[in-house]
Amino acid sequence: MTYTPNYLSPSWDEYMNLLCWEARLAQEIELHSRRRNWNEVAVLKREKQKVAIRRKCLKAALQHRKTSPITI
């Protein structure tokens, strides 16, 4: 599943969706680690890193939106 948040008009719902997705990936990594499916673990870890980066960028966009003046 690929998901690109809207950085120009961010919402907290998008941020929460990314946070939940990241948590689900962490659970999947743990599950596959216990099953010793190392190839799948590697793929999931890379995906989790991408989601974490997207989440951090979206958080920065949300904070910037909060502090920037409204322009029309």
N, C-alpha and C. Protein backbone atom coordinates (compact mmCIF):
# COMPACT_ATOMS: atom_id res chain seq x y z
N MET A 1 0.85 -1.18 0.00
CA MET A 1 0.00 0.00 0.00
C MET A 1 0.89 1.24 0.00
N THR A 2 0.70 2.09 -0.96
CA THR A 2 1.44 3.35 -0.97
C THR A 2 0.46 4.48 -0.73
N TYR A 3 0.88 5.41 0.04
CA TYR A 3 0.03 6.53 0.41
C TYR A 3 0.90 7.77 0.50
N THR A 4 0.52 8.79 -0.23
CA THR A 4 1.24 10.06 -0.18
C THR A 4 0.30 11.11 0.41
N PRO A 5 0.63 11.63 1.57
CA PRO A 5 -0.22 12.64 2.18
C PRO A 5 -0.16 13.97 1.43
N ASN A 6 -1.15 14.78 1.65
CA ASN A 6 -1.23 16.10 1.03
C ASN A 6 -0.45 17.07 1.91
N TYR A 7 0.77 17.40 1.50
CA TYR A 7 1.61 18.28 2.32
C TYR A 7 1.20 19.74 2.21
N LEU A 8 0.52 20.12 1.15
CA LEU A 8 0.10 21.51 0.98
C LEU A 8 -1.09 21.87 1.85
N SER A 9 -1.95 20.90 2.07
CA SER A 9 -3.11 21.10 2.92
C SER A 9 -3.23 19.92 3.88
N PRO A 10 -2.34 19.84 4.86
CA PRO A 10 -2.30 18.67 5.73
C PRO A 10 -3.47 18.65 6.72
N SER A 11 -3.81 17.44 7.16
CA SER A 11 -4.84 17.30 8.17
C SER A 11 -4.36 16.32 9.24
N TRP A 12 -4.95 16.45 10.42
CA TRP A 12 -4.57 15.55 11.51
C TRP A 12 -5.02 14.13 11.23
N ASP A 13 -6.08 13.96 10.45
CA ASP A 13 -6.54 12.61 10.10
C ASP A 13 -5.47 11.88 9.29
N GLU A 14 -4.86 12.58 8.36
CA GLU A 14 -3.77 11.98 7.57
C GLU A 14 -2.60 11.60 8.47
N TYR A 15 -2.28 12.47 9.42
CA TYR A 15 -1.19 12.19 10.35
C TYR A 15 -1.50 10.94 11.18
N MET A 16 -2.73 10.85 11.68
CA MET A 16 -3.12 9.70 12.49
C MET A 16 -3.13 8.42 11.66
N ASN A 17 -3.54 8.52 10.40
CA ASN A 17 -3.52 7.34 9.52
C ASN A 17 -2.09 6.83 9.33
N LEU A 18 -1.15 7.75 9.12
CA LEU A 18 0.25 7.35 8.99
C LEU A 18 0.79 6.75 10.28
N LEU A 19 0.39 7.31 11.41
CA LEU A 19 0.83 6.79 12.69
C LEU A 19 0.31 5.37 12.92
N CYS A 20 -0.95 5.15 12.59
CA CYS A 20 -1.53 3.80 12.72
C CYS A 20 -0.88 2.83 11.75
N TRP A 21 -0.59 3.29 10.54
CA TRP A 21 0.05 2.43 9.54
C TRP A 21 1.45 2.03 10.02
N GLU A 22 2.16 3.00 10.60
CA GLU A 22 3.50 2.71 11.12
C GLU A 22 3.44 1.69 12.26
N ALA A 23 2.44 1.83 13.13
CA ALA A 23 2.28 0.87 14.22
C ALA A 23 1.94 -0.52 13.69
N ARG A 24 1.10 -0.58 12.67
CA ARG A 24 0.75 -1.88 12.09
C ARG A 24 1.97 -2.54 11.45
N LEU A 25 2.81 -1.74 10.80
CA LEU A 25 4.04 -2.29 10.21
C LEU A 25 4.97 -2.83 11.30
N ALA A 26 5.03 -2.15 12.45
CA ALA A 26 5.86 -2.64 13.56
C ALA A 26 5.35 -3.99 14.05
N GLN A 27 4.03 -4.15 14.09
CA GLN A 27 3.46 -5.44 14.49
C GLN A 27 3.77 -6.53 13.47
N GLU A 28 3.68 -6.18 12.20
CA GLU A 28 4.00 -7.14 11.14
C GLU A 28 5.47 -7.56 11.20
N ILE A 29 6.35 -6.60 11.47
CA ILE A 29 7.78 -6.90 11.58
C ILE A 29 8.02 -7.89 12.73
N GLU A 30 7.38 -7.64 13.85
CA GLU A 30 7.53 -8.54 14.99
C GLU A 30 7.00 -9.94 14.67
N LEU A 31 5.87 -10.00 14.01
CA LEU A 31 5.27 -11.29 13.64
C LEU A 31 6.19 -12.08 12.71
N HIS A 32 6.70 -11.43 11.68
CA HIS A 32 7.56 -12.12 10.73
C HIS A 32 8.93 -12.44 11.33
N SER A 33 9.37 -11.65 12.30
CA SER A 33 10.62 -11.96 12.98
C SER A 33 10.48 -13.25 13.78
N ARG A 34 9.35 -13.41 14.44
CA ARG A 34 9.12 -14.63 15.21
C ARG A 34 9.02 -15.86 14.31
N ARG A 35 8.52 -15.65 13.11
CA ARG A 35 8.41 -16.76 12.15
C ARG A 35 9.71 -16.96 11.36
N ARG A 36 10.70 -16.09 11.61
CA ARG A 36 12.01 -16.14 10.95
C ARG A 36 11.91 -15.98 9.43
N ASN A 37 11.02 -15.12 9.03
CA ASN A 37 10.86 -14.79 7.62
C ASN A 37 11.63 -13.50 7.36
N TRP A 38 12.95 -13.63 7.25
CA TRP A 38 13.83 -12.47 7.23
C TRP A 38 13.69 -11.61 5.97
N ASN A 39 13.35 -12.21 4.85
CA ASN A 39 13.15 -11.40 3.63
C ASN A 39 11.98 -10.45 3.80
N GLU A 40 10.90 -10.95 4.35
CA GLU A 40 9.72 -10.10 4.58
C GLU A 40 10.02 -9.03 5.63
N VAL A 41 10.80 -9.37 6.64
CA VAL A 41 11.18 -8.40 7.67
C VAL A 41 11.95 -7.24 7.05
N ALA A 42 12.88 -7.55 6.16
CA ALA A 42 13.67 -6.50 5.51
C ALA A 42 12.78 -5.56 4.69
N VAL A 43 11.84 -6.14 3.96
CA VAL A 43 10.92 -5.34 3.15
C VAL A 43 10.06 -4.46 4.04
N LEU A 44 9.54 -5.02 5.12
CA LEU A 44 8.68 -4.26 6.03
C LEU A 44 9.44 -3.16 6.75
N LYS A 45 10.69 -3.41 7.09
CA LYS A 45 11.49 -2.36 7.75
C LYS A 45 11.73 -1.18 6.83
N ARG A 46 12.00 -1.46 5.56
CA ARG A 46 12.16 -0.36 4.59
C ARG A 46 10.86 0.43 4.44
N GLU A 47 9.75 -0.29 4.38
CA GLU A 47 8.45 0.38 4.27
C GLU A 47 8.17 1.22 5.51
N LYS A 48 8.51 0.71 6.68
CA LYS A 48 8.29 1.45 7.92
C LYS A 48 9.13 2.73 7.94
N GLN A 49 10.37 2.66 7.43
CA GLN A 49 11.20 3.85 7.36
C GLN A 49 10.58 4.91 6.45
N LYS A 50 10.03 4.47 5.33
CA LYS A 50 9.38 5.41 4.41
C LYS A 50 8.17 6.07 5.07
N VAL A 51 7.38 5.27 5.77
CA VAL A 51 6.19 5.80 6.45
C VAL A 51 6.61 6.78 7.54
N ALA A 52 7.66 6.46 8.28
CA ALA A 52 8.15 7.35 9.34
C ALA A 52 8.59 8.69 8.76
N ILE A 53 9.26 8.66 7.63
CA ILE A 53 9.69 9.91 6.98
C ILE A 53 8.48 10.72 6.54
N ARG A 54 7.50 10.06 5.92
CA ARG A 54 6.28 10.77 5.50
C ARG A 54 5.57 11.37 6.70
N ARG A 55 5.49 10.62 7.81
CA ARG A 55 4.81 11.10 9.01
C ARG A 55 5.53 12.32 9.58
N LYS A 56 6.86 12.29 9.62
CA LYS A 56 7.62 13.42 10.15
C LYS A 56 7.47 14.66 9.27
N CYS A 57 7.45 14.46 7.96
CA CYS A 57 7.25 15.58 7.03
C CYS A 57 5.85 16.17 7.19
N LEU A 58 4.87 15.30 7.36
CA LEU A 58 3.49 15.77 7.53
C LEU A 58 3.36 16.52 8.85
N LYS A 59 4.02 16.03 9.90
CA LYS A 59 3.98 16.73 11.19
C LYS A 59 4.59 18.12 11.06
N ALA A 60 5.71 18.22 10.33
CA ALA A 60 6.34 19.53 10.11
C ALA A 60 5.41 20.44 9.31
N ALA A 61 4.71 19.88 8.33
CA ALA A 61 3.76 20.68 7.54
C ALA A 61 2.61 21.16 8.41
N LEU A 62 2.15 20.31 9.32
CA LEU A 62 1.07 20.72 10.22
C LEU A 62 1.53 21.82 11.16
N GLN A 63 2.74 21.70 11.68
CA GLN A 63 3.27 22.73 12.58
C GLN A 63 3.51 24.03 11.83
N HIS A 64 3.96 23.94 10.58
CA HIS A 64 4.19 25.14 9.78
C HIS A 64 2.86 25.83 9.47
N ARG A 65 1.86 25.04 9.19
CA ARG A 65 0.53 25.61 8.91
C ARG A 65 -0.01 26.34 10.12
N LYS A 66 0.27 25.80 11.32
CA LYS A 66 -0.22 26.40 12.54
C LYS A 66 0.46 27.74 12.81
N THR A 67 1.74 27.87 12.44
CA THR A 67 2.49 29.09 12.78
C THR A 67 2.49 30.11 11.64
N SER A 68 2.20 29.69 10.42
CA SER A 68 2.27 30.63 9.31
C SER A 68 1.00 31.48 9.23
N PRO A 69 1.14 32.73 8.80
CA PRO A 69 -0.04 33.58 8.66
C PRO A 69 -0.90 33.13 7.48
N ILE A 70 -2.17 33.39 7.59
CA ILE A 70 -3.11 33.00 6.52
C ILE A 70 -2.97 33.99 5.36
N THR A 71 -2.78 33.46 4.15
CA THR A 71 -2.70 34.29 2.96
C THR A 71 -3.80 33.89 2.00
N ILE A 72 -4.36 34.88 1.39
CA ILE A 72 -5.45 34.61 0.43
C ILE A 72 -4.99 35.01 -0.95
